[in-house]
Amino acid sequence: MLEGEAALQYADLTFKVEGDTIRAHKIILHERSEYFERMLRAKMRERQSNELVIEECRPAVFRIVIRFLYGGEVRELLTQDTAQDVLMAAERFQVAQLKETVEAYLSRQLDASNARQMRELAQRANAARLERVCAHFELRNLSQFVGDGDVPAMTESECLAVVARLFDAVAPAAQP
C-alpha cells in the first residue's frame, strides 16, 4: 500500500473489504506475511484473478495491517476502537511484529474496568504477552476483582486460573 498514483499503477492485487477496494503488491505481502505467502503460492481461484475478498474484517483494520506490512508506522493509527480488531487481524494474517505492537498498546490501556475483557481477547488472539500482563495486573489488583464494586467479581475458578497463568509465566524463569 504505497501512497501515490504511480505506486497504485503497479499494484497487482486488489482486496475487497466490506465494499472498499484496497490495492497492494503481491511481492510485499509474500515477503512479510506467512499467511499471504501461502495464499499467493496456492492454486486458488483468487490467485488467478488477483482479487481477494476479505471477510470479517473492517476496512480500517485491514488498512492498518497492510500499512504495517509495507513497513509503515501504525502506532498512531491504533485507538481503543481499532486495537482489539487489529490484534485479531494480526493473529489471523500471521503478522507477529504487528501483534507485538498491538499487545504493547493494549497493555498500556489496561485497567480494572477492562482487564477481564482484555484477558479474554488475549486468549482468543493467542497473545501470550498480553495475557501475562493481564494476569499480573489481575493478581496485583485481586481485591478489585473479587469484591463488590463497578467491576464484575471473578468467580473462584477465574481467580485460580489467573494465579495458575501467572505461575506458568514466571515458573520457567525461576528454574535453574
Protein backbone atom coordinates (compact mmCIF):
# COMPACT_ATOMS: atom_id res chain seq x y z
CA MET A 1 0.00 0.00 0.00
CA LEU A 2 2.41 2.59 -1.19
CA GLU A 3 0.97 6.04 -1.48
CA GLY A 4 0.59 7.86 -4.75
CA GLU A 5 -0.75 7.23 -8.21
CA ALA A 6 2.47 5.72 -9.58
CA ALA A 7 2.59 3.09 -6.84
CA LEU A 8 -1.03 2.13 -7.41
CA GLN A 9 -0.39 1.81 -11.13
CA TYR A 10 1.89 -1.16 -10.43
CA ALA A 11 -0.25 -2.77 -7.72
CA ASP A 12 -1.06 -6.31 -8.79
CA LEU A 13 -3.56 -7.38 -6.13
CA THR A 14 -6.92 -5.96 -5.15
CA PHE A 15 -8.66 -6.66 -1.86
CA LYS A 16 -12.40 -6.19 -1.43
CA VAL A 17 -13.14 -5.46 2.20
CA GLU A 18 -16.77 -4.70 3.04
CA GLY A 19 -17.20 -2.91 -0.29
CA ASP A 20 -13.93 -0.95 -0.07
CA THR A 21 -11.13 -1.60 -2.54
CA ILE A 22 -7.58 -1.81 -1.22
CA ARG A 23 -4.74 -2.29 -3.70
CA ALA A 24 -1.40 -3.87 -2.85
CA HIS A 25 1.65 -5.57 -4.30
CA LYS A 26 1.98 -9.35 -4.11
CA ILE A 27 5.72 -9.30 -3.54
CA ILE A 28 5.40 -7.12 -0.43
CA LEU A 29 2.68 -9.32 1.07
CA HIS A 30 4.50 -12.53 0.10
CA GLU A 31 7.70 -11.41 1.85
CA ARG A 32 6.14 -10.08 5.05
CA SER A 33 3.32 -12.46 5.95
CA GLU A 34 3.30 -16.26 6.05
CA TYR A 35 -0.46 -16.16 5.54
CA PHE A 36 -0.22 -14.19 2.30
CA GLU A 37 2.82 -16.17 1.17
CA ARG A 38 0.88 -19.43 1.42
CA MET A 39 -2.20 -17.90 -0.15
CA LEU A 40 -0.26 -16.49 -3.09
CA ARG A 41 1.57 -19.77 -3.69
CA ALA A 42 -1.61 -21.85 -3.57
CA LYS A 43 -3.51 -22.56 -6.76
CA MET A 44 -6.63 -20.74 -5.72
CA ARG A 45 -9.16 -19.01 -7.94
CA GLU A 46 -8.39 -15.74 -6.16
CA ARG A 47 -4.72 -16.01 -7.05
CA GLN A 48 -5.57 -16.23 -10.72
CA SER A 49 -7.98 -13.28 -10.62
CA ASN A 50 -5.72 -11.07 -8.49
CA GLU A 51 -8.76 -10.09 -6.45
CA LEU A 52 -9.35 -11.28 -2.90
CA VAL A 53 -12.38 -10.82 -0.72
CA ILE A 54 -11.53 -10.34 2.93
CA GLU A 55 -14.42 -11.19 5.22
CA GLU A 56 -14.92 -10.47 8.89
CA CYS A 57 -12.51 -7.56 8.92
CA ARG A 58 -13.31 -3.85 8.85
CA PRO A 59 -11.63 -1.84 6.07
CA ALA A 60 -9.92 0.48 8.58
CA VAL A 61 -8.43 -2.54 10.38
CA PHE A 62 -7.26 -4.21 7.16
CA ARG A 63 -5.63 -0.96 6.02
CA ILE A 64 -3.63 -0.90 9.26
CA VAL A 65 -2.44 -4.47 8.63
CA ILE A 66 -1.44 -3.64 5.04
CA ARG A 67 0.28 -0.41 6.09
CA PHE A 68 2.29 -2.33 8.66
CA LEU A 69 3.33 -4.91 6.06
CA TYR A 70 4.67 -2.08 3.93
CA GLY A 71 6.86 -1.03 6.84
CA GLY A 72 4.65 1.83 7.90
CA GLU A 73 4.33 3.07 11.43
CA VAL A 74 0.91 2.18 12.81
CA ARG A 75 1.07 3.15 16.48
CA GLU A 76 -0.56 6.50 15.75
CA LEU A 77 -3.43 4.67 13.99
CA LEU A 78 -4.27 2.45 16.95
CA THR A 79 -7.25 3.52 19.01
CA GLN A 80 -9.46 1.87 21.58
CA ASP A 81 -11.88 1.29 18.69
CA THR A 82 -9.39 -0.43 16.34
CA ALA A 83 -6.69 -2.02 18.52
CA GLN A 84 -8.59 -5.14 19.56
CA ASP A 85 -9.65 -5.86 15.97
CA VAL A 86 -6.11 -5.21 14.72
CA LEU A 87 -4.79 -7.72 17.26
CA MET A 88 -7.19 -10.37 15.96
CA ALA A 89 -6.29 -9.49 12.36
CA ALA A 90 -2.56 -9.71 13.14
CA GLU A 91 -3.15 -13.20 14.51
CA ARG A 92 -5.31 -14.17 11.52
CA PHE A 93 -2.86 -12.87 8.90
CA GLN A 94 0.18 -14.07 10.89
CA VAL A 95 1.93 -10.74 11.31
CA ALA A 96 3.88 -11.33 14.52
CA GLN A 97 5.52 -7.91 14.80
CA LEU A 98 2.18 -6.13 14.39
CA LYS A 99 0.74 -8.40 17.03
CA GLU A 100 3.56 -7.42 19.41
CA THR A 101 2.99 -3.73 18.68
CA VAL A 102 -0.73 -4.02 19.42
CA GLU A 103 -0.13 -6.11 22.54
CA ALA A 104 2.13 -3.34 23.88
CA TYR A 105 -0.51 -0.71 23.06
CA LEU A 106 -3.29 -2.69 24.75
CA SER A 107 -1.09 -3.37 27.79
CA ARG A 108 -0.87 0.38 28.34
CA GLN A 109 -4.68 0.66 28.14
CA LEU A 110 -5.26 -2.00 30.81
CA ASP A 111 -7.28 -1.05 33.87
CA ALA A 112 -9.75 -2.67 36.25
CA SER A 113 -12.72 -1.92 34.01
CA ASN A 114 -11.33 -3.81 31.01
CA ALA A 115 -8.94 -6.41 32.48
CA ARG A 116 -11.28 -9.38 32.12
CA GLN A 117 -12.22 -8.46 28.55
CA MET A 118 -8.56 -7.88 27.69
CA ARG A 119 -7.56 -11.25 29.15
CA GLU A 120 -10.28 -13.00 27.12
CA LEU A 121 -9.12 -11.15 23.99
CA ALA A 122 -5.52 -12.20 24.66
CA GLN A 123 -6.62 -15.82 24.93
CA ARG A 124 -8.61 -15.66 21.65
CA ALA A 125 -5.70 -13.98 19.83
CA ASN A 126 -3.03 -16.28 21.28
CA ALA A 127 -1.38 -13.14 22.62
CA ALA A 128 0.80 -14.62 25.37
CA ARG A 129 2.50 -11.35 26.33
CA LEU A 130 -0.81 -9.52 26.77
CA GLU A 131 -2.24 -12.46 28.68
CA ARG A 132 0.75 -12.38 31.08
CA VAL A 133 0.33 -8.63 31.58
CA CYS A 134 -3.36 -9.16 32.34
CA ALA A 135 -2.58 -11.97 34.79
CA HIS A 136 -0.02 -9.81 36.62
CA PHE A 137 -2.47 -6.89 36.70
CA GLU A 138 -5.32 -9.05 37.99
CA LEU A 139 -3.12 -10.62 40.66
CA ARG A 140 -1.78 -7.22 41.83
CA ASN A 141 -5.34 -5.90 41.97
CA LEU A 142 -7.10 -9.08 43.05
CA SER A 143 -9.17 -7.32 45.70
CA GLN A 144 -10.88 -5.27 42.97
CA PHE A 145 -11.90 -8.41 41.13
CA VAL A 146 -13.29 -10.47 44.00
CA GLY A 147 -15.20 -7.79 45.89
CA ASP A 148 -18.17 -5.59 45.22
CA GLY A 149 -17.93 -2.52 43.05
CA ASP A 150 -18.22 -1.44 39.47
CA VAL A 151 -16.12 -4.33 38.22
CA PRO A 152 -17.93 -7.68 37.99
CA ALA A 153 -16.42 -10.06 40.52
CA MET A 154 -14.35 -13.00 39.35
CA THR A 155 -15.53 -16.46 40.17
CA GLU A 156 -13.31 -18.66 42.29
CA SER A 157 -12.26 -20.66 39.21
CA GLU A 158 -11.33 -17.44 37.36
CA CYS A 159 -9.16 -16.33 40.30
CA LEU A 160 -7.43 -19.71 40.34
CA ALA A 161 -6.91 -19.53 36.57
CA VAL A 162 -5.25 -16.11 36.93
CA VAL A 163 -2.92 -17.42 39.62
CA ALA A 164 -2.12 -20.51 37.52
CA ARG A 165 -1.37 -18.41 34.41
CA LEU A 166 0.86 -16.12 36.43
CA PHE A 167 2.67 -19.10 37.92
CA ASP A 168 3.16 -20.59 34.42
CA ALA A 169 4.53 -17.26 33.21
CA VAL A 170 7.10 -16.89 36.00
CA ALA A 171 7.92 -20.54 36.79
CA PRO A 172 10.24 -21.13 33.79
CA ALA A 173 12.28 -18.06 34.75
CA ALA A 174 12.69 -19.39 38.30
CA GLN A 175 14.13 -22.75 37.25
CA PRO A 176 17.93 -23.11 37.24
